[in-house]
N, C-alpha and C. Protein backbone atom coordinates (compact mmCIF):
# COMPACT_ATOMS: atom_id res chain seq x y z
N UNK A 1 62.91 16.14 10.48
CA UNK A 1 62.30 17.30 11.08
C UNK A 1 62.71 18.57 10.32
N UNK A 2 61.77 19.44 10.05
CA UNK A 2 62.02 20.66 9.32
C UNK A 2 61.94 21.83 10.26
N UNK A 3 62.98 22.67 10.20
CA UNK A 3 63.00 23.84 11.08
C UNK A 3 61.85 24.83 10.70
N UNK A 4 61.35 25.62 11.68
CA UNK A 4 60.29 26.50 11.45
C UNK A 4 60.53 27.57 10.40
N UNK A 5 61.76 28.06 10.28
CA UNK A 5 62.06 29.09 9.31
C UNK A 5 62.60 28.59 7.98
N UNK A 6 62.46 27.28 7.70
CA UNK A 6 63.07 26.70 6.51
C UNK A 6 62.35 27.26 5.25
N UNK A 7 61.06 27.55 5.35
CA UNK A 7 60.30 27.98 4.18
C UNK A 7 60.61 29.45 3.82
N UNK A 8 61.15 30.21 4.77
CA UNK A 8 61.51 31.63 4.52
C UNK A 8 62.90 31.82 3.99
N UNK A 9 63.71 30.77 3.92
CA UNK A 9 65.10 30.91 3.46
C UNK A 9 65.12 31.20 1.89
N UNK A 10 66.08 31.99 1.50
CA UNK A 10 66.17 32.34 0.07
C UNK A 10 66.85 31.19 -0.76
N UNK A 11 66.69 31.26 -2.05
CA UNK A 11 67.31 30.29 -2.92
C UNK A 11 68.82 30.28 -2.78
N UNK A 12 69.39 31.50 -2.57
CA UNK A 12 70.80 31.62 -2.46
C UNK A 12 71.33 30.88 -1.23
N UNK A 13 70.54 30.92 -0.10
CA UNK A 13 70.87 30.18 1.09
C UNK A 13 70.96 28.68 0.77
N UNK A 14 69.95 28.14 0.07
CA UNK A 14 69.90 26.71 -0.18
C UNK A 14 71.01 26.27 -1.14
N UNK A 15 71.30 27.15 -2.15
CA UNK A 15 72.43 26.81 -3.05
C UNK A 15 73.76 26.76 -2.33
N UNK A 16 73.99 27.74 -1.44
CA UNK A 16 75.24 27.82 -0.67
C UNK A 16 75.30 26.65 0.37
N UNK A 17 74.21 26.21 0.94
CA UNK A 17 74.21 25.20 1.97
C UNK A 17 74.16 23.75 1.44
N UNK A 18 73.96 23.62 0.12
CA UNK A 18 73.93 22.20 -0.45
C UNK A 18 75.34 21.65 -0.40
N UNK A 19 75.40 20.35 0.03
CA UNK A 19 76.70 19.66 0.12
C UNK A 19 77.28 19.38 -1.23
N UNK A 20 76.44 19.10 -2.23
CA UNK A 20 76.86 18.77 -3.56
C UNK A 20 76.03 19.58 -4.52
N UNK A 21 76.60 20.15 -5.60
CA UNK A 21 75.84 20.97 -6.52
C UNK A 21 74.97 20.08 -7.38
N UNK A 22 73.87 20.65 -7.87
CA UNK A 22 72.94 19.94 -8.76
C UNK A 22 73.39 20.09 -10.22
N UNK A 23 73.20 19.07 -10.95
CA UNK A 23 73.41 19.20 -12.37
C UNK A 23 72.22 19.91 -12.99
N UNK A 24 72.30 20.28 -14.24
CA UNK A 24 71.22 20.99 -14.89
C UNK A 24 70.00 20.11 -15.03
N UNK A 25 70.17 18.81 -15.25
CA UNK A 25 69.05 17.85 -15.36
C UNK A 25 68.38 17.69 -14.00
N UNK A 26 69.15 17.60 -12.93
CA UNK A 26 68.59 17.46 -11.65
C UNK A 26 67.83 18.73 -11.19
N UNK A 27 68.35 19.82 -11.56
CA UNK A 27 67.64 21.08 -11.26
C UNK A 27 66.32 21.21 -12.00
N UNK A 28 66.29 20.73 -13.24
CA UNK A 28 65.11 20.76 -14.03
C UNK A 28 64.03 19.84 -13.45
N UNK A 29 64.44 18.72 -12.88
CA UNK A 29 63.52 17.75 -12.26
C UNK A 29 62.78 18.49 -11.11
N UNK A 30 63.50 19.23 -10.24
CA UNK A 30 62.90 19.92 -9.14
C UNK A 30 61.92 21.01 -9.64
N UNK A 31 62.34 21.70 -10.69
CA UNK A 31 61.45 22.67 -11.29
C UNK A 31 60.17 22.07 -11.85
N UNK A 32 60.28 20.95 -12.49
CA UNK A 32 59.13 20.27 -13.05
C UNK A 32 58.17 19.75 -11.90
N UNK A 33 58.71 19.24 -10.86
CA UNK A 33 57.89 18.73 -9.73
C UNK A 33 57.19 19.88 -9.09
N UNK A 34 57.86 21.02 -8.89
CA UNK A 34 57.24 22.16 -8.25
C UNK A 34 56.15 22.72 -9.14
N UNK A 35 56.31 22.73 -10.42
CA UNK A 35 55.26 23.23 -11.34
C UNK A 35 54.04 22.30 -11.34
N UNK A 36 54.31 20.96 -11.28
CA UNK A 36 53.23 19.99 -11.22
C UNK A 36 52.42 20.16 -9.97
N UNK A 37 53.05 20.39 -8.86
CA UNK A 37 52.33 20.59 -7.55
C UNK A 37 51.40 21.81 -7.61
N UNK A 38 51.71 22.77 -8.43
CA UNK A 38 50.86 23.97 -8.51
C UNK A 38 49.75 23.82 -9.52
N UNK A 39 49.74 22.85 -10.39
CA UNK A 39 48.72 22.66 -11.41
C UNK A 39 47.43 22.12 -10.72
N UNK A 40 46.30 22.86 -10.89
CA UNK A 40 45.05 22.43 -10.32
C UNK A 40 44.59 21.04 -10.76
N UNK A 41 44.76 20.74 -12.04
CA UNK A 41 44.31 19.44 -12.58
C UNK A 41 45.13 18.29 -11.96
N UNK A 42 46.40 18.49 -11.83
CA UNK A 42 47.31 17.47 -11.19
C UNK A 42 46.89 17.24 -9.74
N UNK A 43 46.62 18.37 -9.01
CA UNK A 43 46.27 18.30 -7.60
C UNK A 43 44.99 17.53 -7.41
N UNK A 44 43.96 17.82 -8.29
CA UNK A 44 42.70 17.16 -8.21
C UNK A 44 42.82 15.64 -8.44
N UNK A 45 43.62 15.35 -9.49
CA UNK A 45 43.85 13.93 -9.84
C UNK A 45 44.55 13.17 -8.68
N UNK A 46 45.56 13.79 -8.08
CA UNK A 46 46.25 13.18 -6.96
C UNK A 46 45.35 13.04 -5.75
N UNK A 47 44.46 14.00 -5.47
CA UNK A 47 43.54 13.89 -4.33
C UNK A 47 42.54 12.78 -4.59
N UNK A 48 42.05 12.66 -5.84
CA UNK A 48 41.10 11.55 -6.15
C UNK A 48 41.77 10.19 -6.04
N UNK A 49 42.97 10.04 -6.56
CA UNK A 49 43.68 8.80 -6.43
C UNK A 49 43.99 8.43 -4.99
N UNK A 50 44.41 9.39 -4.22
CA UNK A 50 44.73 9.15 -2.82
C UNK A 50 43.46 8.70 -2.09
N UNK A 51 42.29 9.34 -2.42
CA UNK A 51 41.08 8.95 -1.77
C UNK A 51 40.70 7.54 -2.13
N UNK A 52 40.82 7.20 -3.44
CA UNK A 52 40.47 5.82 -3.84
C UNK A 52 41.40 4.77 -3.33
N UNK A 53 42.70 5.07 -3.28
CA UNK A 53 43.65 4.07 -2.79
C UNK A 53 43.79 4.01 -1.27
N UNK A 54 43.87 5.15 -0.62
CA UNK A 54 44.04 5.14 0.83
C UNK A 54 42.74 5.11 1.58
N UNK A 55 41.64 5.60 0.95
CA UNK A 55 40.29 5.57 1.52
C UNK A 55 39.89 6.76 2.36
N UNK A 56 40.78 7.78 2.51
CA UNK A 56 40.48 8.93 3.32
C UNK A 56 40.73 10.24 2.51
N UNK A 57 39.96 11.24 2.81
CA UNK A 57 40.09 12.54 2.25
C UNK A 57 40.15 13.52 3.35
N UNK A 58 41.14 14.41 3.38
CA UNK A 58 41.29 15.45 4.41
C UNK A 58 40.49 16.71 4.04
N UNK A 59 39.81 17.23 5.04
CA UNK A 59 39.08 18.51 4.92
C UNK A 59 39.57 19.36 6.15
N UNK A 60 40.73 19.89 6.06
CA UNK A 60 41.31 20.65 7.17
C UNK A 60 41.67 19.67 8.29
N UNK A 61 41.16 19.87 9.49
CA UNK A 61 41.45 18.96 10.61
C UNK A 61 40.67 17.63 10.57
N UNK A 62 39.65 17.52 9.71
CA UNK A 62 38.77 16.40 9.63
C UNK A 62 39.13 15.52 8.46
N UNK A 63 39.06 14.19 8.65
CA UNK A 63 39.30 13.25 7.59
C UNK A 63 38.07 12.44 7.36
N UNK A 64 37.56 12.32 6.14
CA UNK A 64 36.43 11.54 5.81
C UNK A 64 36.86 10.18 5.31
N UNK A 65 36.23 9.11 5.78
CA UNK A 65 36.60 7.80 5.31
C UNK A 65 36.29 6.79 6.38
N UNK A 66 36.57 5.55 6.23
CA UNK A 66 37.20 4.93 5.00
C UNK A 66 36.17 4.76 3.89
N UNK A 67 36.63 4.93 2.69
CA UNK A 67 35.73 4.92 1.52
C UNK A 67 35.18 3.51 1.26
N UNK A 68 35.84 2.48 1.65
CA UNK A 68 35.35 1.13 1.36
C UNK A 68 34.10 0.83 2.18
N UNK A 69 33.73 1.61 3.15
CA UNK A 69 32.56 1.31 3.98
C UNK A 69 31.40 2.22 3.66
N UNK A 70 31.49 3.07 2.63
CA UNK A 70 30.43 4.02 2.26
C UNK A 70 29.18 3.25 1.75
N UNK A 71 29.34 2.08 1.18
CA UNK A 71 28.26 1.39 0.59
C UNK A 71 28.25 -0.02 1.21
N UNK A 72 27.07 -0.49 1.59
CA UNK A 72 26.96 -1.85 2.03
C UNK A 72 25.57 -2.36 1.64
N UNK A 73 25.48 -3.65 1.64
CA UNK A 73 24.19 -4.34 1.27
C UNK A 73 24.08 -5.63 2.08
N UNK A 74 22.95 -5.88 2.60
CA UNK A 74 22.65 -7.17 3.23
C UNK A 74 21.18 -7.47 2.99
N UNK A 75 20.77 -8.74 3.11
CA UNK A 75 19.42 -9.14 2.80
C UNK A 75 18.35 -8.52 3.74
N UNK A 76 18.72 -8.20 4.93
CA UNK A 76 17.74 -7.63 5.87
C UNK A 76 17.52 -6.14 5.61
N UNK A 77 18.60 -5.37 5.57
CA UNK A 77 18.51 -3.91 5.42
C UNK A 77 18.49 -3.45 3.97
N UNK A 78 19.02 -4.27 3.08
CA UNK A 78 19.15 -3.89 1.71
C UNK A 78 20.32 -2.95 1.47
N UNK A 79 20.15 -2.05 0.55
CA UNK A 79 21.17 -1.05 0.17
C UNK A 79 21.34 -0.06 1.31
N UNK A 80 22.57 0.22 1.71
CA UNK A 80 22.79 1.13 2.83
C UNK A 80 24.00 2.02 2.57
N UNK A 81 23.80 3.33 2.69
CA UNK A 81 24.92 4.24 2.58
C UNK A 81 25.29 4.77 3.97
N UNK A 82 26.57 5.01 4.18
CA UNK A 82 27.00 5.61 5.41
C UNK A 82 28.31 6.39 5.18
N UNK A 83 28.55 7.32 6.03
CA UNK A 83 29.71 8.17 5.96
C UNK A 83 30.39 8.21 7.35
N UNK A 84 31.67 8.06 7.36
CA UNK A 84 32.43 8.14 8.63
C UNK A 84 33.59 9.09 8.48
N UNK A 85 34.21 9.33 9.59
CA UNK A 85 35.33 10.27 9.59
C UNK A 85 36.16 10.20 10.83
N UNK A 86 37.29 10.95 10.85
CA UNK A 86 38.20 10.96 11.95
C UNK A 86 38.47 12.44 12.22
N UNK A 87 38.41 12.77 13.53
CA UNK A 87 38.80 14.11 14.03
C UNK A 87 39.99 13.88 14.93
N UNK A 88 41.18 14.28 14.49
CA UNK A 88 42.39 13.98 15.26
C UNK A 88 42.35 14.65 16.64
N UNK A 89 42.95 13.93 17.58
CA UNK A 89 43.10 14.49 18.93
C UNK A 89 44.32 15.44 19.00
N UNK A 90 44.10 16.65 19.34
CA UNK A 90 45.25 17.54 19.43
C UNK A 90 45.01 18.63 20.47
């Protein structure tokens, strides 16, 4: 569970509150991951892979999917496209 004000804490707070200090290599890993998360091309790739592997794509509160049911075929109806989704109860 993350506290509500965790995102507003300064870097100095997190450095002082850490139980064990980070090495230079460990600190660089966090910096690299943060910069990757901000890259539009990486975000698009991750969203596409998540959609293909998990089958769902989030659009705010709505999730479209499952992707494996978008296309179907049978001898009676032939080629058939359909789209489904989930709207969470809240």
